[in-house]
Amino acid sequence: MKFAKSALFAATMLTAVSASAVEVSGNVALGSDYFFRGIDQSGGAAISGGFDASF
C-alpha cells in the first residue's frame, strides 16, 4: 500500500513537471495580394496571425 502511494505521488509529480514545459509562439502577417486556388481575392490589405503551442 505504501509503495502504491509513493508510485502515485511520483507519477503525479512527473506529470506536473512535464505539463509546465510548454512553449508558445505567435506570428502576424500583413498581405496585399491574396490568391486562393488561382483566383485573385485581393480586396485590399489583409492581416492574419496565429499562435502555436508545443508540449
PDB file of N, CA and C in Angstrom:
ATOM      1  N   MET A   1       0.833  -1.191   0.000  1.00  0.00           N
ATOM      2  CA  MET A   1       0.000   0.000   0.000  1.00  0.00           C
ATOM      3  C   MET A   1       0.873   1.249   0.000  1.00  0.00           C
ATOM      4  N   LYS A   2       1.936   1.234   0.795  1.00  0.00           N
ATOM      5  CA  LYS A   2       2.822   2.390   0.860  1.00  0.00           C
ATOM      6  C   LYS A   2       3.527   2.596  -0.478  1.00  0.00           C
ATOM      7  N   PHE A   3       3.891   1.487  -1.145  1.00  0.00           N
ATOM      8  CA  PHE A   3       4.539   1.572  -2.449  1.00  0.00           C
ATOM      9  C   PHE A   3       3.594   2.185  -3.481  1.00  0.00           C
ATOM     10  N   ALA A   4       2.322   1.804  -3.439  1.00  0.00           N
ATOM     11  CA  ALA A   4       1.332   2.328  -4.385  1.00  0.00           C
ATOM     12  C   ALA A   4       1.154   3.828  -4.195  1.00  0.00           C
ATOM     13  N   LYS A   5       1.127   4.275  -2.946  1.00  0.00           N
ATOM     14  CA  LYS A   5       1.010   5.709  -2.682  1.00  0.00           C
ATOM     15  C   LYS A   5       2.242   6.453  -3.179  1.00  0.00           C
ATOM     16  N   SER A   6       3.405   5.879  -2.964  1.00  0.00           N
ATOM     17  CA  SER A   6       4.646   6.516  -3.430  1.00  0.00           C
ATOM     18  C   SER A   6       4.696   6.569  -4.953  1.00  0.00           C
ATOM     19  N   ALA A   7       4.274   5.497  -5.602  1.00  0.00           N
ATOM     20  CA  ALA A   7       4.273   5.461  -7.068  1.00  0.00           C
ATOM     21  C   ALA A   7       3.281   6.468  -7.631  1.00  0.00           C
ATOM     22  N   LEU A   8       2.126   6.574  -7.022  1.00  0.00           N
ATOM     23  CA  LEU A   8       1.125   7.548  -7.461  1.00  0.00           C
ATOM     24  C   LEU A   8       1.632   8.968  -7.270  1.00  0.00           C
ATOM     25  N   PHE A   9       2.273   9.257  -6.171  1.00  0.00           N
ATOM     26  CA  PHE A   9       2.840  10.576  -5.913  1.00  0.00           C
ATOM     27  C   PHE A   9       3.921  10.906  -6.928  1.00  0.00           C
ATOM     28  N   ALA A  10       4.794   9.940  -7.222  1.00  0.00           N
ATOM     29  CA  ALA A  10       5.870  10.165  -8.193  1.00  0.00           C
ATOM     30  C   ALA A  10       5.300  10.417  -9.589  1.00  0.00           C
ATOM     31  N   ALA A  11       4.291   9.658  -9.978  1.00  0.00           N
ATOM     32  CA  ALA A  11       3.670   9.854 -11.294  1.00  0.00           C
ATOM     33  C   ALA A  11       3.000  11.222 -11.376  1.00  0.00           C
ATOM     34  N   THR A  12       2.372  11.653 -10.305  1.00  0.00           N
ATOM     35  CA  THR A  12       1.731  12.970 -10.273  1.00  0.00           C
ATOM     36  C   THR A  12       2.769  14.074 -10.401  1.00  0.00           C
ATOM     37  N   MET A  13       3.881  13.948  -9.712  1.00  0.00           N
ATOM     38  CA  MET A  13       4.935  14.964  -9.780  1.00  0.00           C
ATOM     39  C   MET A  13       5.557  15.008 -11.172  1.00  0.00           C
ATOM     40  N   LEU A  14       5.772  13.859 -11.805  1.00  0.00           N
ATOM     41  CA  LEU A  14       6.339  13.835 -13.157  1.00  0.00           C
ATOM     42  C   LEU A  14       5.380  14.467 -14.160  1.00  0.00           C
ATOM     43  N   THR A  15       4.086  14.229 -13.997  1.00  0.00           N
ATOM     44  CA  THR A  15       3.096  14.836 -14.875  1.00  0.00           C
ATOM     45  C   THR A  15       3.085  16.346 -14.695  1.00  0.00           C
ATOM     46  N   ALA A  16       3.198  16.817 -13.482  1.00  0.00           N
ATOM     47  CA  ALA A  16       3.198  18.253 -13.222  1.00  0.00           C
ATOM     48  C   ALA A  16       4.433  18.914 -13.823  1.00  0.00           C
ATOM     49  N   VAL A  17       5.563  18.240 -13.778  1.00  0.00           N
ATOM     50  CA  VAL A  17       6.793  18.798 -14.339  1.00  0.00           C
ATOM     51  C   VAL A  17       6.692  18.869 -15.853  1.00  0.00           C
ATOM     52  N   SER A  18       6.217  17.809 -16.486  1.00  0.00           N
ATOM     53  CA  SER A  18       6.135  17.816 -17.946  1.00  0.00           C
ATOM     54  C   SER A  18       5.049  18.758 -18.441  1.00  0.00           C
ATOM     55  N   ALA A  19       4.014  18.993 -17.673  1.00  0.00           N
ATOM     56  CA  ALA A  19       2.941  19.887 -18.099  1.00  0.00           C
ATOM     57  C   ALA A  19       3.399  21.340 -18.092  1.00  0.00           C
ATOM     58  N   SER A  20       4.400  21.674 -17.295  1.00  0.00           N
ATOM     59  CA  SER A  20       4.850  23.060 -17.239  1.00  0.00           C
ATOM     60  C   SER A  20       5.837  23.388 -18.346  1.00  0.00           C
ATOM     61  N   ALA A  21       6.270  22.411 -19.136  1.00  0.00           N
ATOM     62  CA  ALA A  21       7.224  22.640 -20.216  1.00  0.00           C
ATOM     63  C   ALA A  21       6.472  22.893 -21.523  1.00  0.00           C
ATOM     64  N   VAL A  22       5.791  24.026 -21.604  1.00  0.00           N
ATOM     65  CA  VAL A  22       5.025  24.394 -22.787  1.00  0.00           C
ATOM     66  C   VAL A  22       5.688  25.592 -23.436  1.00  0.00           C
ATOM     67  N   GLU A  23       5.905  25.491 -24.735  1.00  0.00           N
ATOM     68  CA  GLU A  23       6.495  26.595 -25.485  1.00  0.00           C
ATOM     69  C   GLU A  23       5.410  27.203 -26.372  1.00  0.00           C
ATOM     70  N   VAL A  24       5.220  28.526 -26.259  1.00  0.00           N
ATOM     71  CA  VAL A  24       4.190  29.227 -27.021  1.00  0.00           C
ATOM     72  C   VAL A  24       4.854  30.264 -27.900  1.00  0.00           C
ATOM     73  N   SER A  25       4.440  30.328 -29.159  1.00  0.00           N
ATOM     74  CA  SER A  25       4.951  31.346 -30.075  1.00  0.00           C
ATOM     75  C   SER A  25       3.794  31.900 -30.886  1.00  0.00           C
ATOM     76  N   GLY A  26       3.999  33.074 -31.452  1.00  0.00           N
ATOM     77  CA  GLY A  26       2.955  33.708 -32.240  1.00  0.00           C
ATOM     78  C   GLY A  26       3.532  34.353 -33.485  1.00  0.00           C
ATOM     79  N   ASN A  27       2.652  34.660 -34.433  1.00  0.00           N
ATOM     80  CA  ASN A  27       3.092  35.313 -35.658  1.00  0.00           C
ATOM     81  C   ASN A  27       1.999  36.228 -36.180  1.00  0.00           C
ATOM     82  N   VAL A  28       2.417  37.251 -36.923  1.00  0.00           N
ATOM     83  CA  VAL A  28       1.499  38.198 -37.541  1.00  0.00           C
ATOM     84  C   VAL A  28       2.011  38.483 -38.940  1.00  0.00           C
ATOM     85  N   ALA A  29       1.110  38.565 -39.915  1.00  0.00           N
ATOM     86  CA  ALA A  29       1.496  38.852 -41.296  1.00  0.00           C
ATOM     87  C   ALA A  29       0.545  39.876 -41.895  1.00  0.00           C
ATOM     88  N   LEU A  30       1.077  40.754 -42.723  1.00  0.00           N
ATOM     89  CA  LEU A  30       0.292  41.743 -43.450  1.00  0.00           C
ATOM     90  C   LEU A  30       0.480  41.459 -44.929  1.00  0.00           C
ATOM     91  N   GLY A  31      -0.618  41.297 -45.647  1.00  0.00           N
ATOM     92  CA  GLY A  31      -0.521  40.966 -47.068  1.00  0.00           C
ATOM     93  C   GLY A  31      -1.423  41.845 -47.902  1.00  0.00           C
ATOM     94  N   SER A  32      -1.037  42.036 -49.158  1.00  0.00           N
ATOM     95  CA  SER A  32      -1.848  42.849 -50.051  1.00  0.00           C
ATOM     96  C   SER A  32      -2.358  42.053 -51.255  1.00  0.00           C
ATOM     97  N   ASP A  33      -1.711  40.974 -51.629  1.00  0.00           N
ATOM     98  CA  ASP A  33      -2.162  40.119 -52.732  1.00  0.00           C
ATOM     99  C   ASP A  33      -2.508  38.747 -52.174  1.00  0.00           C
ATOM    100  N   TYR A  34      -3.733  38.302 -52.421  1.00  0.00           N
ATOM    101  CA  TYR A  34      -4.180  37.015 -51.915  1.00  0.00           C
ATOM    102  C   TYR A  34      -4.793  36.220 -53.052  1.00  0.00           C
ATOM    103  N   PHE A  35      -4.271  35.030 -53.288  1.00  0.00           N
ATOM    104  CA  PHE A  35      -4.796  34.141 -54.311  1.00  0.00           C
ATOM    105  C   PHE A  35      -5.244  32.852 -53.642  1.00  0.00           C
ATOM    106  N   PHE A  36      -6.460  32.411 -53.967  1.00  0.00           N
ATOM    107  CA  PHE A  36      -6.984  31.153 -53.459  1.00  0.00           C
ATOM    108  C   PHE A  36      -7.324  30.279 -54.655  1.00  0.00           C
ATOM    109  N   ARG A  37      -6.590  29.192 -54.822  1.00  0.00           N
ATOM    110  CA  ARG A  37      -6.767  28.263 -55.938  1.00  0.00           C
ATOM    111  C   ARG A  37      -6.706  28.983 -57.279  1.00  0.00           C
ATOM    112  N   GLY A  38      -5.760  29.917 -57.408  1.00  0.00           N
ATOM    113  CA  GLY A  38      -5.517  30.591 -58.670  1.00  0.00           C
ATOM    114  C   GLY A  38      -6.429  31.761 -58.971  1.00  0.00           C
ATOM    115  N   ILE A  39      -7.349  32.076 -58.074  1.00  0.00           N
ATOM    116  CA  ILE A  39      -8.273  33.192 -58.292  1.00  0.00           C
ATOM    117  C   ILE A  39      -7.875  34.336 -57.378  1.00  0.00           C
ATOM    118  N   ASP A  40      -7.776  35.530 -57.966  1.00  0.00           N
ATOM    119  CA  ASP A  40      -7.376  36.716 -57.214  1.00  0.00           C
ATOM    120  C   ASP A  40      -8.463  37.087 -56.210  1.00  0.00           C
ATOM    121  N   GLN A  41      -8.118  37.162 -54.954  1.00  0.00           N
ATOM    122  CA  GLN A  41      -9.056  37.501 -53.888  1.00  0.00           C
ATOM    123  C   GLN A  41      -8.691  38.827 -53.232  1.00  0.00           C
ATOM    124  N   SER A  42      -7.865  39.626 -53.887  1.00  0.00           N
ATOM    125  CA  SER A  42      -7.383  40.871 -53.290  1.00  0.00           C
ATOM    126  C   SER A  42      -8.524  41.882 -53.227  1.00  0.00           C
ATOM    127  N   GLY A  43      -8.855  42.290 -52.060  1.00  0.00           N
ATOM    128  CA  GLY A  43      -9.868  43.315 -51.862  1.00  0.00           C
ATOM    129  C   GLY A  43      -9.279  44.442 -51.044  1.00  0.00           C
ATOM    130  N   GLY A  44      -7.984  44.489 -50.925  1.00  0.00           N
ATOM    131  CA  GLY A  44      -7.299  45.453 -50.078  1.00  0.00           C
ATOM    132  C   GLY A  44      -6.293  44.709 -49.217  1.00  0.00           C
ATOM    133  N   ALA A  45      -5.765  45.387 -48.253  1.00  0.00           N
ATOM    134  CA  ALA A  45      -4.780  44.781 -47.357  1.00  0.00           C
ATOM    135  C   ALA A  45      -5.477  43.839 -46.372  1.00  0.00           C
ATOM    136  N   ALA A  46      -4.745  42.831 -45.966  1.00  0.00           N
ATOM    137  CA  ALA A  46      -5.278  41.866 -45.003  1.00  0.00           C
ATOM    138  C   ALA A  46      -4.219  41.596 -43.945  1.00  0.00           C
ATOM    139  N   ILE A  47      -4.683  41.352 -42.742  1.00  0.00           N
ATOM    140  CA  ILE A  47      -3.774  40.999 -41.654  1.00  0.00           C
ATOM    141  C   ILE A  47      -4.202  39.627 -41.122  1.00  0.00           C
ATOM    142  N   SER A  48      -3.225  38.793 -40.848  1.00  0.00           N
ATOM    143  CA  SER A  48      -3.511  37.466 -40.305  1.00  0.00           C
ATOM    144  C   SER A  48      -2.492  37.138 -39.225  1.00  0.00           C
ATOM    145  N   GLY A  49      -2.872  36.270 -38.343  1.00  0.00           N
ATOM    146  CA  GLY A  49      -1.981  35.892 -37.253  1.00  0.00           C
ATOM    147  C   GLY A  49      -2.341  34.536 -36.706  1.00  0.00           C
ATOM    148  N   GLY A  50      -1.482  34.054 -35.845  1.00  0.00           N
ATOM    149  CA  GLY A  50      -1.728  32.758 -35.241  1.00  0.00           C
ATOM    150  C   GLY A  50      -0.827  32.504 -34.057  1.00  0.00           C
ATOM    151  N   PHE A  51      -1.187  31.485 -33.291  1.00  0.00           N
ATOM    152  CA  PHE A  51      -0.413  31.060 -32.130  1.00  0.00           C
ATOM    153  C   PHE A  51      -0.140  29.580 -32.248  1.00  0.00           C
ATOM    154  N   ASP A  52       1.032  29.176 -31.794  1.00  0.00           N
ATOM    155  CA  ASP A  52       1.416  27.768 -31.759  1.00  0.00           C
ATOM    156  C   ASP A  52       1.819  27.412 -30.335  1.00  0.00           C
ATOM    157  N   ALA A  53       1.376  26.254 -29.886  1.00  0.00           N
ATOM    158  CA  ALA A  53       1.766  25.742 -28.570  1.00  0.00           C
ATOM    159  C   ALA A  53       2.405  24.381 -28.748  1.00  0.00           C
ATOM    160  N   SER A  54       3.577  24.193 -28.159  1.00  0.00           N
ATOM    161  CA  SER A  54       4.294  22.942 -28.250  1.00  0.00           C
ATOM    162  C   SER A  54       4.418  22.334 -26.860  1.00  0.00           C
ATOM    163  N   PHE A  55       4.008  21.078 -26.723  1.00  0.00           N
ATOM    164  CA  PHE A  55       4.045  20.411 -25.422  1.00  0.00           C
ATOM    165  C   PHE A  55       5.226  19.478 -25.338  1.00  0.00           C
TER     166      PHE A  55
END
